[in-house]
Amino acid sequence: MKRAGRYISILLFFMILCFMTPIKAEASVVVSASGDESGEKDYRQIMNALATERDIVLEEGKTYYIKGTLWVNSNQSITATGATIISKSGAFRNHPTKANYGSLNHFTVDGGTWKNEDKNGYQKSMVQFSHGSNILIKNATIYCNYKGHAVEIIACKNVTVDNCKLKAVGKCSSDCVEEQLQIDIATPVTAPTVADYGKEFVNGQTCQNITVKNCTITGGRGVCANFASKEKKFQTKFHKNVVLKNNTITGVSSEAVALFNVLGATVENNKIVCKSKRTNTAYSVGLHIAMFGKAPSGMKKAVYKVNNNTIKGGRQGFYVYSHSSSRFGKVIAKKNKCYAKAGKDKAIQVTEAAVSNKTLSNNKQDVWK
């Protein structure tokens, strides 16, 4: 019995020791700014860290110069709170390596002001993710030219953009239709940079579960879920579940928000304003929900919630329309303040033939003077 008691005492001692010994956490790696404006040193240092480390930290208050786009990996994060990153091209993206959401998993960017060295901004995509999942961009400010995209999401799922500022810079042409946040389908025409990796990456894969919240976005278009306008065979492919909450979204030359071929969406507590002077066209709509091509069977159960928004547009404020024989499932619009330059009756227009079921209640409609 004494021997058994001794064994129990030893066991308890080691158990207590285990609890008291701190578990060593995986440390973040701080990359120091070099001050080299050529972009060579900072780019090399950050890329070396991204090749070997999980969590990268850029120094607060410092400016980094990078000669090219940063290529990121799965299970990785970049914390850039208070840092400014000036690139000779884009900000960051991933290599497509596995189709259907398998190329990039669990990646986070927190903070940073990301811009191109040209004061007029980059004319392509500053940030581009393709075939990834579980991606988070938060607290970042990203500048891009009106002709490009601050953030482009191609064939991704479970993506959140939170508390970011996406700002177009340079000159906006009167007919610009490019958006600062693009939710894209992967086809040879819509995603040519992804097509370069192989045909399997551009088979019409779409996005799912995309959330944009607490953001300020300004562009030719603000936010757009894109469809394959030039490739009819891909027009039966629909994105699924787009959520826009608590944002201020402005379209300077085209719609503030355009949700094309989307299977279910939630648009709540946003300020959505289209300033386009093309007031006799759909490009001047504030919130434009439309479908092109035959919808999948899931459309019958799809729900579109548009609640507690302020929406301003030209031809219409809030507009729902189908360009095919398919109809949207259910549209619920409540407690919105909607305005249209075309008149009070155009402030909300949910086309009867486009929707199987609709509930419009407690909405304010008025002319936008």
Protein backbone atom coordinates (compact mmCIF):
# COMPACT_ATOMS: atom_id res chain seq x y z
CA MET A 1 0.00 0.00 0.00
CA LYS A 2 2.88 2.35 0.84
CA ARG A 3 4.46 1.63 -2.56
CA ALA A 4 1.13 2.30 -4.34
CA GLY A 5 0.76 5.57 -2.44
CA ARG A 6 4.28 6.58 -3.46
CA TYR A 7 3.47 5.92 -7.15
CA ILE A 8 0.28 7.99 -6.91
CA SER A 9 2.21 10.87 -5.32
CA ILE A 10 4.81 10.79 -8.11
CA LEU A 11 2.08 10.70 -10.75
CA LEU A 12 0.30 13.68 -9.18
CA PHE A 13 3.59 15.59 -9.03
CA PHE A 14 4.21 15.14 -12.76
CA MET A 15 0.62 16.05 -13.59
CA ILE A 16 0.93 19.33 -11.63
CA LEU A 17 4.29 20.00 -13.27
CA CYS A 18 2.73 19.58 -16.72
CA PHE A 19 -0.02 22.08 -15.92
CA MET A 20 2.45 24.60 -14.50
CA THR A 21 4.89 24.38 -17.45
CA PRO A 22 3.89 26.95 -20.08
CA ILE A 23 3.20 25.66 -23.56
CA LYS A 24 5.44 27.38 -26.04
CA ALA A 25 3.30 29.20 -28.60
CA GLU A 26 4.36 29.48 -32.21
CA ALA A 27 5.87 32.95 -32.42
CA SER A 28 5.10 35.52 -35.08
CA VAL A 29 8.02 36.71 -37.18
CA VAL A 30 8.55 40.46 -37.40
CA VAL A 31 9.90 41.65 -40.73
CA SER A 32 11.71 44.97 -40.38
CA ALA A 33 11.33 47.70 -42.97
CA SER A 34 14.58 48.39 -44.84
CA GLY A 35 13.82 51.85 -46.19
CA ASP A 36 15.02 50.72 -49.62
CA GLU A 37 12.66 52.37 -52.10
CA SER A 38 13.78 50.11 -54.96
CA GLY A 39 11.53 47.42 -53.49
CA GLU A 40 14.22 44.74 -53.65
CA LYS A 41 15.08 44.32 -49.95
CA ASP A 42 11.59 44.48 -48.42
CA TYR A 43 10.18 42.19 -51.10
CA ARG A 44 12.94 39.62 -50.56
CA GLN A 45 12.61 39.73 -46.78
CA ILE A 46 8.81 39.36 -46.78
CA MET A 47 8.83 36.62 -49.42
CA ASN A 48 11.50 34.69 -47.49
CA ALA A 49 9.34 34.92 -44.37
CA LEU A 50 6.24 33.82 -46.26
CA ALA A 51 8.16 30.81 -47.58
CA THR A 52 9.08 29.54 -44.12
CA GLU A 53 6.85 31.09 -41.47
CA ARG A 54 3.20 30.92 -40.51
CA ASP A 55 2.52 34.38 -39.07
CA ILE A 56 4.19 37.49 -40.46
CA VAL A 57 4.14 40.90 -38.73
CA LEU A 58 5.04 44.20 -40.38
CA GLU A 59 6.20 47.04 -38.14
CA GLU A 60 3.62 49.60 -37.11
CA GLY A 61 4.30 53.09 -38.45
CA LYS A 62 6.83 51.88 -41.04
CA THR A 63 6.67 51.98 -44.84
CA TYR A 64 7.59 48.94 -46.92
CA TYR A 65 8.48 49.05 -50.60
CA ILE A 66 7.98 45.87 -52.61
CA LYS A 67 8.98 45.30 -56.21
CA GLY A 68 6.13 42.90 -56.95
CA THR A 69 3.08 41.05 -55.70
CA LEU A 70 3.44 38.96 -52.53
CA TRP A 71 2.52 35.28 -53.01
CA VAL A 72 0.78 33.81 -49.96
CA ASN A 73 0.09 30.30 -48.69
CA SER A 74 -2.43 28.30 -46.67
CA ASN A 75 -2.47 28.47 -42.86
CA GLN A 76 -0.77 31.82 -42.87
CA SER A 77 -1.38 35.40 -41.74
CA ILE A 78 0.03 38.86 -42.36
CA THR A 79 -0.48 41.45 -39.61
CA ALA A 80 0.24 44.95 -40.94
CA THR A 81 -1.48 47.22 -38.43
CA GLY A 82 -0.28 50.79 -38.95
CA ALA A 83 2.11 49.83 -41.75
CA THR A 84 2.10 51.17 -45.30
CA ILE A 85 3.01 48.87 -48.17
CA ILE A 86 3.85 50.46 -51.53
CA SER A 87 4.10 48.05 -54.45
CA LYS A 88 5.38 48.41 -57.99
CA SER A 89 2.49 46.11 -59.01
CA GLY A 90 -0.19 44.44 -56.85
CA ALA A 91 -0.40 43.64 -53.13
CA PHE A 92 -0.86 39.89 -52.63
CA ARG A 93 -2.40 36.80 -54.24
CA ASN A 94 -2.08 33.02 -54.33
CA HIS A 95 -1.04 30.47 -56.93
CA PRO A 96 -3.95 28.23 -58.06
CA THR A 97 -2.72 24.71 -57.29
CA LYS A 98 -5.90 22.72 -56.70
CA ALA A 99 -9.29 23.51 -58.24
CA ASN A 100 -12.60 23.80 -56.40
CA TYR A 101 -11.59 25.75 -53.28
CA GLY A 102 -8.44 23.75 -52.58
CA SER A 103 -5.63 26.17 -53.46
CA LEU A 104 -5.56 28.45 -50.41
CA ASN A 105 -7.06 27.61 -47.02
CA HIS A 106 -7.10 29.60 -43.78
CA PHE A 107 -5.39 32.83 -44.72
CA THR A 108 -5.74 36.19 -42.92
CA VAL A 109 -4.59 39.74 -43.59
CA ASP A 110 -5.08 42.19 -40.71
CA GLY A 111 -4.44 45.86 -41.27
CA GLY A 112 -2.11 47.83 -43.47
CA THR A 113 -2.46 50.53 -46.10
CA TRP A 114 -1.76 48.84 -49.43
CA LYS A 115 -1.12 50.95 -52.51
CA ASN A 116 0.68 51.08 -55.84
CA GLU A 117 3.67 53.37 -56.33
CA ASP A 118 1.72 55.26 -59.02
CA LYS A 119 -0.52 57.88 -57.42
CA ASN A 120 -3.23 56.84 -59.91
CA GLY A 121 -3.18 53.28 -58.59
CA TYR A 122 -2.78 49.80 -60.06
CA GLN A 123 -4.96 49.09 -63.10
CA LYS A 124 -5.36 45.38 -62.40
CA SER A 125 -6.18 43.53 -59.15
CA MET A 126 -4.35 44.67 -56.02
CA VAL A 127 -5.56 41.59 -54.13
CA GLN A 128 -6.63 38.40 -55.88
CA PHE A 129 -7.68 35.08 -54.37
CA SER A 130 -8.64 32.07 -56.49
CA HIS A 131 -9.92 28.60 -55.57
CA GLY A 132 -9.53 29.26 -51.85
CA SER A 133 -11.57 28.99 -48.68
CA ASN A 134 -11.67 30.41 -45.15
CA ILE A 135 -10.07 33.73 -46.06
CA LEU A 136 -10.26 36.90 -43.96
CA ILE A 137 -9.25 40.45 -44.86
CA LYS A 138 -9.83 42.90 -42.01
CA ASN A 139 -8.91 46.43 -40.99
CA ALA A 140 -7.08 47.07 -44.26
CA THR A 141 -7.09 50.09 -46.58
CA ILE A 142 -6.51 49.17 -50.21
CA TYR A 143 -6.12 51.66 -53.05
CA CYS A 144 -6.58 50.70 -56.69
CA ASN A 145 -7.21 52.46 -60.00
CA TYR A 146 -10.81 52.76 -61.17
CA LYS A 147 -9.95 50.31 -63.99
CA GLY A 148 -8.89 47.60 -61.55
CA HIS A 149 -10.12 45.80 -58.43
CA ALA A 150 -8.94 46.46 -54.89
CA VAL A 151 -10.07 42.91 -54.03
CA GLU A 152 -10.95 40.18 -56.56
CA ILE A 153 -12.35 36.88 -55.28
CA ILE A 154 -12.44 34.12 -57.92
CA ALA A 155 -14.12 30.77 -57.22
CA CYS A 156 -13.70 31.02 -53.43
CA LYS A 157 -15.88 30.16 -50.45
CA ASN A 158 -16.13 31.31 -46.85
CA VAL A 159 -14.50 34.69 -47.43
CA THR A 160 -14.98 37.69 -45.14
CA VAL A 161 -13.95 41.28 -45.81
CA ASP A 162 -14.42 43.20 -42.56
CA ASN A 163 -13.84 46.83 -41.60
CA CYS A 164 -11.87 47.64 -44.74
CA LYS A 165 -11.62 50.70 -46.95
CA LEU A 166 -11.44 49.94 -50.67
CA LYS A 167 -10.76 53.17 -52.51
CA ALA A 168 -10.54 53.83 -56.23
CA VAL A 169 -8.00 56.44 -57.29
CA GLY A 170 -7.12 58.14 -60.56
CA LYS A 171 -9.71 59.24 -63.10
CA CYS A 172 -13.07 57.51 -63.48
CA SER A 173 -14.36 57.45 -67.04
CA SER A 174 -18.08 58.03 -67.51
CA ASP A 175 -18.57 54.45 -68.77
CA CYS A 176 -16.37 52.58 -66.28
CA VAL A 177 -17.98 49.32 -65.10
CA GLU A 178 -15.13 47.96 -62.97
CA GLU A 179 -15.76 47.33 -59.29
CA GLN A 180 -13.43 47.71 -56.33
CA LEU A 181 -14.69 44.44 -54.86
CA GLN A 182 -15.34 41.75 -57.45
CA ILE A 183 -16.90 38.36 -56.66
CA ASP A 184 -15.99 36.45 -59.81
CA ILE A 185 -16.72 33.27 -61.71
CA ALA A 186 -13.74 31.31 -63.02
CA THR A 187 -13.87 31.13 -66.82
CA PRO A 188 -11.26 31.72 -69.54
CA VAL A 189 -12.66 35.19 -70.23
CA THR A 190 -13.51 36.38 -66.70
CA ALA A 191 -10.30 35.06 -65.10
CA PRO A 192 -7.51 35.00 -67.71
CA THR A 193 -4.71 35.05 -65.11
CA VAL A 194 -6.19 31.90 -63.54
CA ALA A 195 -6.69 30.27 -66.96
CA ASP A 196 -2.92 30.40 -67.42
CA TYR A 197 -2.61 27.65 -64.79
CA GLY A 198 -4.77 25.15 -66.68
CA LYS A 199 -8.26 24.42 -67.99
CA GLU A 200 -9.34 22.75 -64.75
CA PHE A 201 -9.21 26.13 -62.99
CA VAL A 202 -11.68 27.84 -65.34
CA ASN A 203 -14.64 25.49 -65.60
CA GLY A 204 -17.22 27.97 -64.36
CA GLN A 205 -16.52 27.60 -60.65
CA THR A 206 -18.33 30.22 -58.59
CA CYS A 207 -18.13 31.77 -55.11
CA GLN A 208 -20.01 30.77 -51.95
CA ASN A 209 -20.55 32.40 -48.57
CA ILE A 210 -18.98 35.77 -49.24
CA THR A 211 -19.46 38.33 -46.44
CA VAL A 212 -18.63 42.03 -46.70
CA LYS A 213 -19.29 44.02 -43.54
CA ASN A 214 -18.42 47.34 -41.91
CA CYS A 215 -16.60 48.49 -45.05
CA THR A 216 -16.37 51.70 -47.05
CA ILE A 217 -16.09 50.97 -50.77
CA THR A 218 -15.93 53.42 -53.67
CA GLY A 219 -15.37 52.54 -57.33
CA GLY A 220 -16.75 52.80 -60.85
CA ARG A 221 -18.93 50.03 -59.47
CA GLY A 222 -18.69 49.41 -55.77
CA VAL A 223 -19.38 45.68 -55.34
CA CYS A 224 -20.25 43.23 -58.11
CA ALA A 225 -20.94 39.51 -58.22
CA ASN A 226 -19.95 38.87 -61.82
CA PHE A 227 -21.35 36.50 -64.44
CA ALA A 228 -19.94 35.18 -67.72
CA SER A 229 -21.50 37.76 -70.02
CA LYS A 230 -19.50 36.60 -73.07
CA GLU A 231 -19.67 32.84 -72.45
CA LYS A 232 -23.22 31.56 -72.65
CA LYS A 233 -22.37 28.00 -71.58
CA PHE A 234 -21.35 29.34 -68.17
CA GLN A 235 -24.46 31.43 -67.60
CA THR A 236 -26.12 28.58 -65.70
CA LYS A 237 -23.42 28.85 -63.03
CA PHE A 238 -24.53 30.87 -59.98
CA HIS A 239 -22.73 32.20 -56.93
CA LYS A 240 -24.31 31.31 -53.60
CA ASN A 241 -25.02 33.36 -50.48
CA VAL A 242 -23.58 36.86 -50.67
CA VAL A 243 -23.93 38.96 -47.49
CA LEU A 244 -23.48 42.74 -47.34
CA LYS A 245 -23.96 44.35 -43.90
CA ASN A 246 -23.23 47.76 -42.39
CA ASN A 247 -21.31 49.08 -45.39
CA THR A 248 -21.14 52.38 -47.23
CA ILE A 249 -20.87 51.53 -50.93
CA THR A 250 -20.64 54.07 -53.75
CA GLY A 251 -20.68 53.59 -57.51
CA VAL A 252 -19.35 56.61 -59.38
CA SER A 253 -20.10 55.57 -62.97
CA SER A 254 -22.09 52.32 -62.59
CA GLU A 255 -24.14 50.48 -59.97
CA ALA A 256 -23.10 50.76 -56.35
CA VAL A 257 -24.00 47.09 -55.90
CA ALA A 258 -24.64 44.60 -58.71
CA LEU A 259 -25.50 41.02 -57.75
CA PHE A 260 -25.65 38.97 -60.94
CA ASN A 261 -26.46 35.24 -60.96
CA VAL A 262 -26.46 34.90 -57.19
CA LEU A 263 -28.38 32.17 -55.40
CA GLY A 264 -29.56 33.91 -52.24
CA ALA A 265 -28.31 37.16 -50.71
CA THR A 266 -28.61 39.33 -47.60
CA VAL A 267 -28.25 43.11 -47.92
CA GLU A 268 -28.87 44.85 -44.60
CA ASN A 269 -28.05 48.15 -42.90
CA ASN A 270 -26.04 49.56 -45.79
CA LYS A 271 -25.80 52.96 -47.44
CA ILE A 272 -25.80 52.25 -51.19
CA VAL A 273 -25.43 55.17 -53.60
CA CYS A 274 -24.97 55.21 -57.38
CA LYS A 275 -23.81 58.56 -58.79
CA SER A 276 -23.77 57.51 -62.46
CA LYS A 277 -24.98 60.15 -64.90
CA ARG A 278 -26.25 57.41 -67.25
CA THR A 279 -29.65 57.70 -65.64
CA ASN A 280 -31.56 56.09 -68.51
CA THR A 281 -29.58 52.83 -68.19
CA ALA A 282 -29.26 49.98 -65.70
CA TYR A 283 -25.76 51.24 -64.88
CA SER A 284 -27.36 53.94 -62.76
CA VAL A 285 -29.21 51.54 -60.45
CA GLY A 286 -28.25 51.68 -56.77
CA LEU A 287 -28.80 48.00 -55.88
CA HIS A 288 -29.18 45.86 -59.01
CA ILE A 289 -30.10 42.18 -58.63
CA ALA A 290 -30.38 40.34 -61.96
CA MET A 291 -30.14 36.89 -63.48
CA PHE A 292 -28.84 35.76 -66.85
CA GLY A 293 -29.34 32.19 -68.05
CA LYS A 294 -31.32 29.31 -66.57
CA ALA A 295 -31.05 29.14 -62.80
CA PRO A 296 -30.26 25.89 -60.93
CA SER A 297 -33.07 24.09 -59.10
CA GLY A 298 -31.95 25.59 -55.79
CA MET A 299 -33.29 28.95 -56.94
CA LYS A 300 -36.79 27.92 -55.89
CA LYS A 301 -35.74 28.03 -52.23
CA ALA A 302 -33.35 30.97 -52.52
CA VAL A 303 -34.16 34.02 -50.38
CA TYR A 304 -33.05 37.61 -50.95
CA LYS A 305 -33.27 39.81 -47.85
CA VAL A 306 -32.97 43.56 -48.41
CA ASN A 307 -33.64 45.32 -45.12
CA ASN A 308 -32.91 48.63 -43.37
CA ASN A 309 -30.84 50.11 -46.19
CA THR A 310 -30.62 53.58 -47.68
CA ILE A 311 -30.45 53.12 -51.45
CA LYS A 312 -30.07 55.84 -54.08
CA GLY A 313 -29.92 55.47 -57.85
CA GLY A 314 -30.80 56.99 -61.19
CA ARG A 315 -33.13 54.82 -63.26
CA GLN A 316 -34.02 52.79 -60.16
CA GLY A 317 -32.91 52.74 -56.57
CA PHE A 318 -33.49 49.03 -55.88
CA TYR A 319 -34.15 46.88 -58.96
CA VAL A 320 -34.74 43.14 -59.44
CA TYR A 321 -34.97 41.70 -62.96
CA SER A 322 -34.56 38.37 -64.78
CA HIS A 323 -33.17 38.23 -68.31
CA SER A 324 -34.17 34.57 -68.63
CA SER A 325 -37.25 32.41 -68.12
CA SER A 326 -36.08 31.58 -64.57
CA ARG A 327 -37.52 33.43 -61.60
CA PHE A 328 -35.99 34.41 -58.28
CA GLY A 329 -37.24 32.43 -55.26
CA LYS A 330 -38.31 34.93 -52.64
CA VAL A 331 -37.51 38.62 -52.24
CA ILE A 332 -38.08 40.27 -48.85
CA ALA A 333 -37.54 44.03 -48.65
CA LYS A 334 -38.41 45.84 -45.41
CA LYS A 335 -37.71 49.22 -43.84
CA ASN A 336 -35.58 50.54 -46.69
CA LYS A 337 -35.29 54.19 -47.73
CA CYS A 338 -35.07 54.13 -51.51
CA TYR A 339 -34.66 57.02 -53.96
CA ALA A 340 -34.47 57.29 -57.75
CA LYS A 341 -33.80 60.25 -59.98
CA ALA A 342 -36.31 58.79 -62.44
CA GLY A 343 -39.12 59.29 -59.91
CA LYS A 344 -40.67 58.04 -56.71
CA ASP A 345 -42.33 55.08 -58.42
CA LYS A 346 -38.92 53.86 -59.66
CA ALA A 347 -37.27 53.92 -56.25
CA ILE A 348 -38.17 50.25 -55.73
CA GLN A 349 -38.91 48.06 -58.72
CA VAL A 350 -39.10 44.32 -58.13
CA THR A 351 -40.35 43.10 -61.49
CA GLU A 352 -43.41 40.88 -61.09
CA ALA A 353 -42.34 38.39 -63.76
CA ALA A 354 -38.90 37.99 -62.19
CA VAL A 355 -39.93 36.81 -58.72
CA SER A 356 -41.95 33.84 -57.47
CA ASN A 357 -42.69 35.38 -54.09
CA LYS A 358 -42.08 38.86 -52.73
CA THR A 359 -42.73 40.77 -49.53
CA LEU A 360 -42.30 44.54 -49.63
CA SER A 361 -43.23 46.35 -46.43
CA ASN A 362 -42.52 49.57 -44.52
CA ASN A 363 -40.27 50.92 -47.25
CA LYS A 364 -39.95 54.60 -48.03
CA GLN A 365 -39.86 55.63 -51.70
CA ASP A 366 -39.04 59.07 -53.01
CA VAL A 367 -37.47 60.97 -55.89
CA TRP A 368 -33.75 61.67 -55.58
CA LYS A 369 -33.32 65.35 -56.35
